[in-house]
Amino acid sequence: MRGKFITLEGLDGAGKSTHLAHLVELLKGRGKTVVQTREPGGTPLGEKLREILLSEPMHLETEALLMFAARREHLAQVIVPALERGDWVVCDRFTDASFAYQGGGRGLDVAKLNVLETWVQGNLNPDLTLLFDVPTDVAFGRVKNMGRELDRFEQEKAEFFERVRAAYLQRARFAPQRIRVLDGAKSVSEISKMLEEVITSVCQ
């Protein structure tokens, strides 16, 4: 029996990484074998590409192509084999992030992203996407207070994050059956409760 594929999305600073571990534990508590992974990355090659993507300036089409190259390897080496084993895959970012960051943020033609999406993943999409949404100023403030050197995406201006957020919310409106928007500005305990409700419905 095929496993399920769950992705977490949101602005940098929206809190998705904070809740990823809790989500994994909820699934394990229900007897699921869980593979936790991330994008860009998830494989040795993908992690090398991640380092380049987060640090090296490049043309926006190069950026998109490298993102999808890492994704192709990720699907082939990790995600698809896990799902075929019956494992559940929980991934920090997936293709929605490309439409939000490269499409919304950078302004890359969405038609090009559609071609890459079809080529790289065919008809494979997440079964559920949790979009952690927060006002841009909240996310922007959290990013600036992370206490570490920021990558080149995190160093973008507030207007960039506004466009990314708008693109994410547009994706959610187009796919409400897959993408569930969670208020990332709520307390950790409130969000944990929402996650428990979501997982209960998914695991039925």
Protein backbone atom coordinates (compact mmCIF):
# COMPACT_ATOMS: atom_id res chain seq x y z
CA MET A 1 0.00 0.00 0.00
CA ARG A 2 1.43 3.36 -1.07
CA GLY A 3 2.47 5.75 1.67
CA LYS A 4 1.37 9.37 1.84
CA PHE A 5 3.38 12.43 0.90
CA ILE A 6 3.07 15.51 3.14
CA THR A 7 4.85 18.79 2.51
CA LEU A 8 5.29 21.89 4.66
CA GLU A 9 5.47 25.30 3.05
CA GLY A 10 5.66 28.93 4.03
CA LEU A 11 7.82 32.00 4.16
CA ASP A 12 11.19 31.85 5.84
CA GLY A 13 10.25 32.66 9.43
CA ALA A 14 6.70 31.28 9.18
CA GLY A 15 7.46 28.54 11.73
CA LYS A 16 7.13 25.43 9.59
CA SER A 17 10.51 24.03 10.65
CA THR A 18 9.49 24.42 14.30
CA HIS A 19 6.44 22.22 13.80
CA LEU A 20 7.95 19.66 11.43
CA ALA A 21 9.38 17.51 14.24
CA HIS A 22 6.03 17.50 16.06
CA LEU A 23 4.25 16.44 12.89
CA VAL A 24 6.66 13.55 12.42
CA GLU A 25 6.13 12.42 16.00
CA LEU A 26 2.35 12.56 15.57
CA LEU A 27 2.59 10.26 12.56
CA LYS A 28 4.97 7.88 14.28
CA GLY A 29 2.56 7.78 17.21
CA ARG A 30 -0.05 6.45 14.81
CA GLY A 31 2.24 3.66 13.71
CA LYS A 32 3.53 5.22 10.51
CA THR A 33 7.07 4.75 9.26
CA VAL A 34 8.16 8.28 8.41
CA VAL A 35 10.90 9.59 6.14
CA GLN A 36 11.72 13.20 7.03
CA THR A 37 13.49 15.21 4.35
CA ARG A 38 13.87 18.69 2.86
CA GLU A 39 14.28 20.72 -0.30
CA PRO A 40 16.48 21.77 -1.79
CA GLY A 41 18.48 18.80 -0.56
CA GLY A 42 17.43 15.39 0.65
CA THR A 43 20.22 13.52 -1.15
CA PRO A 44 24.02 13.91 -1.19
CA LEU A 45 23.82 15.61 -4.59
CA GLY A 46 20.82 17.66 -3.51
CA GLU A 47 22.64 18.95 -0.44
CA LYS A 48 25.58 20.08 -2.61
CA LEU A 49 23.16 21.89 -4.89
CA ARG A 50 21.50 23.41 -1.81
CA GLU A 51 24.80 24.96 -0.74
CA ILE A 52 25.20 26.52 -4.16
CA LEU A 53 21.60 27.72 -4.37
CA LEU A 54 21.69 29.37 -0.95
CA SER A 55 25.02 31.13 -1.41
CA GLU A 56 25.92 31.75 -5.06
CA PRO A 57 24.34 34.55 -7.12
CA MET A 58 22.91 33.25 -10.41
CA HIS A 59 20.42 33.89 -13.20
CA LEU A 60 16.86 33.21 -12.08
CA GLU A 61 16.40 30.47 -14.73
CA THR A 62 19.59 28.79 -13.55
CA GLU A 63 18.18 28.92 -10.03
CA ALA A 64 14.93 27.27 -11.10
CA LEU A 65 16.72 24.60 -13.12
CA LEU A 66 19.00 23.72 -10.22
CA MET A 67 16.01 23.52 -7.86
CA PHE A 68 14.27 21.07 -10.16
CA ALA A 69 17.49 19.13 -10.79
CA ALA A 70 17.82 18.59 -7.04
CA ARG A 71 14.11 17.66 -6.93
CA ARG A 72 14.47 15.07 -9.70
CA GLU A 73 17.27 13.34 -7.76
CA HIS A 74 15.27 13.63 -4.53
CA LEU A 75 12.25 11.98 -6.10
CA ALA A 76 14.28 9.19 -7.68
CA GLN A 77 16.46 8.40 -4.68
CA VAL A 78 14.26 9.14 -1.66
CA ILE A 79 10.63 10.14 -2.11
CA VAL A 80 9.32 7.64 -4.66
CA PRO A 81 11.10 4.59 -3.15
CA ALA A 82 9.77 5.53 0.31
CA LEU A 83 6.20 5.91 -0.91
CA GLU A 84 6.40 2.62 -2.78
CA ARG A 85 7.56 0.90 0.44
CA GLY A 86 4.46 2.25 2.15
CA ASP A 87 6.37 4.83 4.20
CA TRP A 88 5.04 8.32 4.79
CA VAL A 89 7.23 11.16 3.54
CA VAL A 90 7.29 14.53 5.31
CA CYS A 91 9.21 17.13 3.33
CA ASP A 92 10.19 20.67 4.29
CA ARG A 93 9.30 22.44 1.00
CA PHE A 94 8.56 21.00 -2.43
CA THR A 95 7.34 22.35 -5.78
CA ASP A 96 4.98 24.93 -4.28
CA ALA A 97 8.12 26.68 -3.05
CA SER A 98 9.42 26.98 -6.61
CA PHE A 99 6.20 28.64 -7.74
CA ALA A 100 6.32 30.94 -4.70
CA TYR A 101 10.02 31.87 -4.66
CA GLN A 102 11.17 31.59 -8.27
CA GLY A 103 7.74 32.45 -9.71
CA GLY A 104 6.26 34.93 -7.26
CA GLY A 105 9.44 36.25 -5.69
CA ARG A 106 11.76 36.32 -8.69
CA GLY A 107 9.14 36.77 -11.40
CA LEU A 108 9.99 33.72 -13.49
CA ASP A 109 7.36 32.88 -16.10
CA VAL A 110 4.96 30.39 -14.51
CA ALA A 111 4.61 28.57 -17.84
CA LYS A 112 8.28 27.57 -17.56
CA LEU A 113 7.72 26.30 -14.02
CA ASN A 114 4.71 24.30 -15.22
CA VAL A 115 6.89 22.60 -17.85
CA LEU A 116 9.57 21.76 -15.27
CA GLU A 117 6.96 20.47 -12.81
CA THR A 118 5.46 18.10 -15.39
CA TRP A 119 8.85 16.95 -16.65
CA VAL A 120 10.39 16.31 -13.24
CA GLN A 121 7.50 14.82 -11.27
CA GLY A 122 4.87 13.76 -13.80
CA ASN A 123 1.58 13.31 -11.96
CA LEU A 124 3.15 12.90 -8.52
CA ASN A 125 1.97 15.58 -6.11
CA PRO A 126 1.80 15.78 -2.32
CA ASP A 127 -1.27 14.22 -0.74
CA LEU A 128 -1.34 17.10 1.72
CA THR A 129 0.46 20.43 1.94
CA LEU A 130 0.48 22.47 5.14
CA LEU A 131 1.05 26.13 4.37
CA PHE A 132 2.15 28.12 7.42
CA ASP A 133 1.04 31.66 6.70
CA VAL A 134 2.14 34.74 8.63
CA PRO A 135 2.11 38.46 7.82
CA THR A 136 5.23 39.37 5.91
CA ASP A 137 6.50 41.76 8.59
CA VAL A 138 6.29 38.96 11.19
CA ALA A 139 8.24 36.54 9.01
CA PHE A 140 10.72 39.24 8.05
CA GLY A 141 11.33 40.11 11.71
CA ARG A 142 11.84 36.47 12.69
CA VAL A 143 14.35 35.95 9.91
CA LYS A 144 16.37 39.01 10.91
CA ASN A 145 16.51 37.76 14.52
CA MET A 146 17.68 34.23 13.77
CA GLY A 147 21.12 34.95 15.18
CA ARG A 148 23.05 33.42 12.31
CA GLU A 149 24.34 34.43 8.91
CA LEU A 150 21.43 34.70 6.49
CA ASP A 151 21.42 32.91 3.14
CA ARG A 152 20.83 34.85 -0.06
CA PHE A 153 17.07 34.24 -0.01
CA GLU A 154 16.75 35.38 3.60
CA GLN A 155 18.67 38.55 2.72
CA GLU A 156 15.98 39.65 0.26
CA LYS A 157 13.92 42.78 0.93
CA ALA A 158 10.43 42.79 2.42
CA GLU A 159 8.86 43.31 -1.03
CA PHE A 160 10.29 39.97 -2.15
CA PHE A 161 8.61 38.18 0.75
CA GLU A 162 5.33 39.97 -0.02
CA ARG A 163 5.39 38.50 -3.53
CA VAL A 164 6.31 35.05 -2.23
CA ARG A 165 3.46 35.09 0.27
CA ALA A 166 0.96 36.22 -2.37
CA ALA A 167 2.06 33.39 -4.67
CA TYR A 168 1.70 30.83 -1.89
CA LEU A 169 -1.82 32.01 -1.06
CA GLN A 170 -2.75 31.95 -4.74
CA ARG A 171 -1.58 28.32 -4.94
CA ALA A 172 -3.73 27.54 -1.92
CA ARG A 173 -6.80 29.08 -3.56
CA PHE A 174 -6.22 26.98 -6.68
CA ALA A 175 -5.77 23.71 -4.76
CA PRO A 176 -7.87 23.92 -1.57
CA GLN A 177 -8.34 20.15 -1.48
CA ARG A 178 -4.56 19.67 -1.08
CA ILE A 179 -3.24 22.82 0.57
CA ARG A 180 -4.38 23.65 4.10
CA VAL A 181 -3.47 27.12 5.31
CA LEU A 182 -2.46 27.33 8.98
CA ASP A 183 -2.11 30.61 10.87
CA GLY A 184 1.59 30.63 11.69
CA ALA A 185 1.13 33.66 13.95
CA LYS A 186 -0.73 31.58 16.54
CA SER A 187 1.05 30.09 19.58
CA VAL A 188 3.02 26.86 19.33
CA SER A 189 0.39 25.04 21.41
CA GLU A 190 -2.46 26.29 19.21
CA ILE A 191 -0.67 25.20 16.04
CA SER A 192 0.18 21.83 17.61
CA LYS A 193 -3.51 21.29 18.26
CA MET A 194 -4.34 22.16 14.65
CA LEU A 195 -1.73 19.70 13.44
CA GLU A 196 -3.24 16.96 15.58
CA GLU A 197 -6.64 17.61 14.04
CA VAL A 198 -5.19 17.55 10.53
CA ILE A 199 -3.30 14.31 11.10
CA THR A 200 -6.38 12.69 12.62
CA SER A 201 -8.31 13.42 9.42
CA VAL A 202 -5.50 12.25 7.16
CA CYS A 203 -4.91 9.02 9.05
CA GLN A 204 -8.54 7.89 9.01
